[in-house]
Amino acid sequence: MNDGPHLTVFEEHRDRLFAVAYRMTGSVADADDLCQEAWLRWSEVELATVRQPEAFLVSTMTRLSIDRLRSASHRREIYVGPYLPEPLMTEPPAESDPERAAELADSLTYAFLVLMDELAPAERAVFLLHDVFGYPFNEIGDAVDRSPDAVRQMASRTRRKLDAERVELSRFDESAEQDVMASLVGAIAAGDVEGLMALLAPDIVQLDDGGPSRRAARRPIIGPNRVARLWVNLAKRVQPDWTMEFARVNGSPGLVFGDAEGPFMVIAIEFGPDRLIRRIHAQLNPEKLVHLR
C-alpha cells in the first residue's frame, strides 16, 4: 500500500470527516474511530477511479456513522437519565468568514445535537449533509442509498420536525458572554440565589448526563428557582483540590471543573434572545470525558 498520495488527499479532508462523524454520533471517541476506519478503506482505493475524493470520503463516513448509530441504538434506549454528547472544546467563530463559521458552530451546540439525537440515523445524515454542510441531494442520495427526490422529501420533513421543536437561542459578542459567565460564577460562589435567578431565563432548562455511575439529575431541571438553588447547593460541596476553568464547549461559553484526576464535569451555556441563560447542559459521565484527560 502506497500511503503517500492517499494520505495527502485524506488529510486534506480529515477535518470535514471528523466534523460529519462527530455531529452524527455526538462522540469524540466514535468520530476518531470512524476517521481511522474511513482511512483504512480509503487507503485500499485505486485513486484513478475516484473522480471526487471529498464526495467519496464523505459518503464513506456517512455510511460508517449510520452503521455506528444503529449498532448503539439499544445502548441509548436503556441509558440512565438524559443522553448528552461528549463535549468538544472549540474556538470562537473565525473572523475570515464569520457568518459561515457561526453557522457551523451552531450545529455543534448541545441544543442542536440533542435535537439531532431524536432523529433516525438516515434523517440525521440527510439534514446534516444538506442543511449544515451544503452537499447536493444527488451526492447525499448516494451516501444513504436513496434517490435524490426521496432525500429531498426526507430533508423537508426533518426540517419541519426540527423547526417545531427548536428553542430560539442567540449568540452575542464574546466579551458580553464572558461578563455573564463571570456574574454566574460569582453568584454561585456567593450563594446569591436571587442574583443567580436574575441571569436565568424564565423557561430555563438544565440537562445533566451522569451516565450509570455518576450522581446527577435523572430528569430535566426546569425553572430559574430550581436551577439556581441546585447550583448554590452544589457550591457548598466544593473540595479544596477542585479547579474551574472558563472554556468554549461545543461553540458555546462553558465551564470545566476538575480535580487531581482531570475534568469531572463540563458545562455548556446557551442564551436566549433576551441575553438570559436559557439552556445549561452538564456532562458528568466519566466515560464521555476520557478524551479530555
Protein backbone atom coordinates (compact mmCIF):
# COMPACT_ATOMS: atom_id res chain seq x y z
CA MET A 1 0.00 0.00 0.00
CA ASN A 2 1.33 3.44 -1.02
CA ASP A 3 0.33 5.82 1.79
CA GLY A 4 1.76 8.99 0.19
CA PRO A 5 -0.89 10.15 -2.33
CA HIS A 6 -3.72 8.56 -0.34
CA LEU A 7 -2.62 10.23 2.88
CA THR A 8 -2.26 13.65 1.24
CA VAL A 9 -5.84 13.56 -0.02
CA PHE A 10 -7.20 12.12 3.21
CA GLU A 11 -5.52 14.75 5.39
CA GLU A 12 -6.96 17.45 3.18
CA HIS A 13 -10.46 16.29 4.13
CA ARG A 14 -9.88 14.90 7.63
CA ASP A 15 -11.38 17.91 9.45
CA ARG A 16 -14.54 17.68 7.38
CA LEU A 17 -14.82 13.94 8.00
CA PHE A 18 -14.41 14.41 11.75
CA ALA A 19 -16.98 17.21 11.68
CA VAL A 20 -19.54 14.97 9.98
CA ALA A 21 -18.84 11.98 12.24
CA TYR A 22 -18.99 14.00 15.46
CA ARG A 23 -22.28 15.66 14.55
CA MET A 24 -23.68 12.29 13.55
CA THR A 25 -22.60 10.36 16.64
CA GLY A 26 -22.16 13.06 19.31
CA SER A 27 -18.98 11.26 20.33
CA VAL A 28 -15.38 12.40 20.01
CA ALA A 29 -14.18 8.83 20.52
CA ASP A 30 -16.51 7.47 17.83
CA ALA A 31 -15.56 10.26 15.42
CA ASP A 32 -11.87 9.43 15.88
CA ASP A 33 -12.55 5.71 15.41
CA LEU A 34 -14.61 6.33 12.29
CA CYS A 35 -11.93 8.57 10.81
CA GLN A 36 -9.46 5.72 11.27
CA GLU A 37 -11.87 3.25 9.68
CA ALA A 38 -12.52 5.63 6.78
CA TRP A 39 -8.76 5.95 6.28
CA LEU A 40 -8.33 2.17 6.13
CA ARG A 41 -11.00 1.94 3.44
CA TRP A 42 -9.62 4.90 1.52
CA SER A 43 -6.09 3.52 1.60
CA GLU A 44 -7.26 0.48 -0.41
CA VAL A 45 -8.96 2.52 -3.13
CA GLU A 46 -7.43 2.98 -6.56
CA LEU A 47 -7.14 6.77 -6.75
CA ALA A 48 -7.51 6.90 -10.53
CA THR A 49 -11.06 5.52 -10.19
CA VAL A 50 -12.27 8.30 -7.86
CA ARG A 51 -13.43 11.48 -9.62
CA GLN A 52 -14.44 13.41 -6.48
CA PRO A 53 -12.42 12.36 -3.43
CA GLU A 54 -14.36 14.57 -0.99
CA ALA A 55 -17.71 13.17 -2.09
CA PHE A 56 -16.34 9.63 -1.87
CA LEU A 57 -14.88 10.17 1.61
CA VAL A 58 -17.96 11.95 3.00
CA SER A 59 -20.19 9.22 1.60
CA THR A 60 -17.99 6.59 3.26
CA MET A 61 -18.05 8.46 6.56
CA THR A 62 -21.82 8.87 6.39
CA ARG A 63 -22.37 5.13 5.94
CA LEU A 64 -19.95 4.31 8.74
CA SER A 65 -21.68 6.78 11.06
CA ILE A 66 -25.13 5.40 10.27
CA ASP A 67 -23.90 1.87 11.00
CA ARG A 68 -22.36 3.04 14.28
CA LEU A 69 -25.59 4.73 15.35
CA ARG A 70 -27.68 1.67 14.55
CA SER A 71 -25.35 -0.61 16.50
CA ALA A 72 -25.54 1.75 19.51
CA SER A 73 -29.33 2.20 19.45
CA HIS A 74 -30.03 -0.34 22.22
CA ARG A 75 -27.39 1.19 24.47
CA ARG A 76 -29.06 4.57 24.14
CA GLU A 77 -32.54 3.15 24.73
CA ILE A 78 -31.54 1.78 28.16
CA TYR A 79 -29.37 4.77 29.12
CA VAL A 80 -29.96 6.16 32.62
CA GLY A 81 -31.11 9.79 32.56
CA PRO A 82 -30.57 12.34 29.76
CA TYR A 83 -28.18 11.31 26.99
CA LEU A 84 -25.86 14.17 26.04
CA PRO A 85 -22.95 14.30 23.58
CA GLU A 86 -19.32 14.15 24.58
CA PRO A 87 -18.06 17.73 24.96
CA LEU A 88 -15.88 19.20 22.25
CA MET A 89 -13.55 22.06 23.12
CA THR A 90 -13.80 24.72 20.40
CA GLU A 91 -12.67 28.22 19.49
CA PRO A 92 -14.75 31.32 18.71
CA PRO A 93 -16.00 31.58 15.09
CA ALA A 94 -13.24 32.62 12.67
CA GLU A 95 -13.18 36.23 11.54
CA SER A 96 -12.35 35.32 7.93
CA ASP A 97 -15.90 34.04 7.28
CA PRO A 98 -17.87 34.82 10.46
CA GLU A 99 -21.31 34.01 9.04
CA ARG A 100 -20.33 30.54 7.79
CA ALA A 101 -18.23 29.86 10.89
CA ALA A 102 -21.13 30.82 13.16
CA GLU A 103 -23.45 28.52 11.18
CA LEU A 104 -21.09 25.59 11.63
CA ALA A 105 -20.65 26.47 15.32
CA ASP A 106 -24.42 26.48 15.79
CA SER A 107 -24.52 22.90 14.52
CA LEU A 108 -22.09 21.94 17.29
CA THR A 109 -24.15 23.26 20.19
CA TYR A 110 -25.65 20.89 22.70
CA ALA A 111 -29.14 22.18 21.93
CA PHE A 112 -28.69 21.26 18.27
CA LEU A 113 -27.08 17.88 18.92
CA VAL A 114 -29.80 16.92 21.40
CA LEU A 115 -32.35 17.57 18.64
CA MET A 116 -30.25 15.51 16.24
CA ASP A 117 -30.34 12.62 18.68
CA GLU A 118 -34.13 12.41 18.28
CA LEU A 119 -33.80 11.69 14.55
CA ALA A 120 -33.34 8.35 12.84
CA PRO A 121 -29.78 7.85 11.54
CA ALA A 122 -30.68 8.44 7.87
CA GLU A 123 -32.70 11.56 8.74
CA ARG A 124 -29.78 12.90 10.71
CA ALA A 125 -27.38 12.27 7.85
CA VAL A 126 -29.58 13.91 5.22
CA PHE A 127 -30.24 17.00 7.31
CA LEU A 128 -26.61 17.48 8.30
CA LEU A 129 -25.16 16.91 4.86
CA HIS A 130 -27.60 19.26 3.13
CA ASP A 131 -28.57 21.96 5.63
CA VAL A 132 -25.28 22.18 7.54
CA PHE A 133 -22.58 21.19 5.05
CA GLY A 134 -24.35 22.16 1.84
CA TYR A 135 -23.94 18.97 -0.20
CA PRO A 136 -26.36 18.46 -3.14
CA PHE A 137 -29.14 15.92 -2.90
CA ASN A 138 -27.70 13.64 -5.57
CA GLU A 139 -24.47 13.17 -3.56
CA ILE A 140 -26.44 12.67 -0.36
CA GLY A 141 -28.62 10.09 -2.08
CA ASP A 142 -25.53 8.06 -2.95
CA ALA A 143 -24.41 8.22 0.70
CA VAL A 144 -27.72 7.00 2.16
CA ASP A 145 -28.79 4.72 -0.75
CA ARG A 146 -31.87 6.73 -1.68
CA SER A 147 -32.96 8.67 -4.74
CA PRO A 148 -32.41 12.45 -4.83
CA ASP A 149 -36.20 13.01 -4.68
CA ALA A 150 -36.54 10.77 -1.63
CA VAL A 151 -33.67 12.57 0.05
CA ARG A 152 -35.21 15.96 -0.74
CA GLN A 153 -38.51 14.90 0.81
CA MET A 154 -36.74 13.50 3.86
CA ALA A 155 -34.84 16.76 4.32
CA SER A 156 -38.07 18.76 4.13
CA ARG A 157 -39.86 16.56 6.68
CA THR A 158 -36.88 16.63 9.03
CA ARG A 159 -36.60 20.41 8.74
CA ARG A 160 -40.27 20.84 9.69
CA LYS A 161 -39.87 18.46 12.61
CA LEU A 162 -36.85 20.32 13.95
CA ASP A 163 -38.41 23.74 13.44
CA ALA A 164 -41.39 22.65 15.55
CA GLU A 165 -39.12 21.53 18.41
CA ARG A 166 -36.31 24.08 18.19
CA VAL A 167 -35.88 26.58 21.03
CA GLU A 168 -34.76 30.05 19.96
CA LEU A 169 -31.19 30.63 21.10
CA SER A 170 -28.89 33.54 20.33
CA ARG A 171 -25.23 34.48 20.31
CA PHE A 172 -23.77 37.82 21.25
CA ASP A 173 -20.26 39.18 21.39
CA GLU A 174 -17.72 37.17 23.33
CA SER A 175 -16.93 39.89 25.88
CA ALA A 176 -20.62 40.18 26.82
CA GLU A 177 -20.82 36.40 27.17
CA GLN A 178 -17.78 36.45 29.43
CA ASP A 179 -19.39 39.14 31.59
CA VAL A 180 -22.47 36.97 32.08
CA MET A 181 -20.32 33.92 32.83
CA ALA A 182 -18.34 35.88 35.43
CA SER A 183 -21.58 37.06 37.04
CA LEU A 184 -22.88 33.49 37.02
CA VAL A 185 -19.81 32.10 38.77
CA GLY A 186 -19.77 35.00 41.23
CA ALA A 187 -23.41 34.50 42.20
CA ILE A 188 -22.90 30.76 42.64
CA ALA A 189 -19.81 31.25 44.80
CA ALA A 190 -21.59 33.87 46.94
CA GLY A 191 -24.68 31.69 47.40
CA ASP A 192 -26.74 34.50 45.87
CA VAL A 193 -29.91 32.75 44.71
CA GLU A 194 -31.67 35.97 43.70
CA GLY A 195 -28.64 37.25 41.81
CA LEU A 196 -28.33 33.91 40.02
CA MET A 197 -32.01 33.83 39.11
CA ALA A 198 -31.66 37.26 37.52
CA LEU A 199 -29.30 35.71 34.95
CA LEU A 200 -31.66 32.85 34.05
CA ALA A 201 -34.49 32.90 31.52
CA PRO A 202 -38.00 32.14 32.82
CA ASP A 203 -38.07 28.94 30.73
CA ILE A 204 -34.53 27.77 31.54
CA VAL A 205 -33.89 24.03 31.39
CA GLN A 206 -30.81 22.20 32.65
CA LEU A 207 -29.95 18.68 31.48
CA ASP A 208 -27.37 16.58 33.35
CA ASP A 209 -25.76 13.45 31.94
CA GLY A 210 -24.22 11.39 34.72
CA GLY A 211 -24.40 8.03 33.00
CA PRO A 212 -24.84 4.91 35.11
CA SER A 213 -22.10 5.72 37.63
CA ARG A 214 -22.20 9.43 38.46
CA ARG A 215 -24.85 11.03 40.62
CA ALA A 216 -26.84 13.53 38.54
CA ALA A 217 -30.42 14.65 37.96
CA ARG A 218 -32.28 11.97 36.02
CA ARG A 219 -34.89 14.42 34.74
CA PRO A 220 -34.67 17.93 33.28
CA ILE A 221 -34.35 20.69 35.87
CA ILE A 222 -36.85 23.36 34.89
CA GLY A 223 -37.24 26.96 36.05
CA PRO A 224 -34.94 29.65 37.48
CA ASN A 225 -35.63 28.85 41.11
CA ARG A 226 -34.81 25.15 40.86
CA VAL A 227 -31.72 25.69 38.69
CA ALA A 228 -30.37 28.49 40.92
CA ARG A 229 -30.85 26.55 44.14
CA LEU A 230 -29.24 23.46 42.62
CA TRP A 231 -26.08 25.41 41.79
CA VAL A 232 -25.91 27.17 45.13
CA ASN A 233 -26.25 23.82 46.89
CA LEU A 234 -23.56 22.28 44.68
CA ALA A 235 -21.20 25.14 45.52
CA LYS A 236 -21.39 24.15 49.19
CA ARG A 237 -19.76 20.80 48.30
CA VAL A 238 -16.67 22.28 46.64
CA GLN A 239 -13.49 20.48 47.63
CA PRO A 240 -10.08 22.19 48.12
CA ASP A 241 -8.47 20.39 45.17
CA TRP A 242 -11.22 21.25 42.67
CA THR A 243 -10.40 23.57 39.78
CA MET A 244 -12.61 25.57 37.44
CA GLU A 245 -11.75 26.99 34.03
CA PHE A 246 -13.71 29.03 31.53
CA ALA A 247 -13.83 27.37 28.10
CA ARG A 248 -15.75 27.22 24.86
CA VAL A 249 -17.71 23.99 24.81
CA ASN A 250 -19.32 22.97 21.53
CA GLY A 251 -19.16 26.55 20.33
CA SER A 252 -20.79 27.96 23.47
CA PRO A 253 -19.33 29.53 26.61
CA GLY A 254 -18.76 26.92 29.27
CA LEU A 255 -17.01 25.77 32.40
CA VAL A 256 -14.71 22.84 33.03
CA PHE A 257 -14.48 21.51 36.60
CA GLY A 258 -11.61 19.22 37.51
CA ASP A 259 -9.67 17.57 40.29
CA ALA A 260 -6.37 15.73 40.51
CA GLU A 261 -7.61 13.09 38.04
CA GLY A 262 -8.76 15.61 35.43
CA PRO A 263 -12.11 17.06 34.33
CA PHE A 264 -15.13 15.58 36.07
CA MET A 265 -17.85 17.98 34.85
CA VAL A 266 -18.16 20.13 31.71
CA ILE A 267 -20.88 22.75 31.39
CA ALA A 268 -22.18 24.38 28.19
CA ILE A 269 -24.26 27.57 28.46
CA GLU A 270 -26.68 28.79 25.79
CA PHE A 271 -28.53 32.12 25.73
CA GLY A 272 -31.93 33.30 24.60
CA PRO A 273 -32.61 36.46 22.56
CA ASP A 274 -33.05 38.38 25.84
CA ARG A 275 -29.42 37.54 26.74
CA LEU A 276 -30.55 35.43 29.66
CA ILE A 277 -29.28 31.86 30.11
CA ARG A 278 -31.87 29.58 28.52
CA ARG A 279 -30.13 26.19 28.43
CA ILE A 280 -27.49 24.56 30.63
CA HIS A 281 -26.07 21.18 29.65
CA ALA A 282 -23.84 19.39 32.15
CA GLN A 283 -21.74 16.38 31.13
CA LEU A 284 -20.61 14.35 34.17
CA ASN A 285 -20.38 10.84 32.72
CA PRO A 286 -16.71 9.81 33.18
CA GLU A 287 -16.80 7.69 30.03
CA LYS A 288 -17.68 10.79 27.99
CA LEU A 289 -14.85 12.86 29.47
CA VAL A 290 -11.98 10.46 28.88
CA HIS A 291 -10.74 12.36 25.83
CA LEU A 292 -10.23 15.50 27.98
CA ARG A 293 -7.91 13.79 30.49
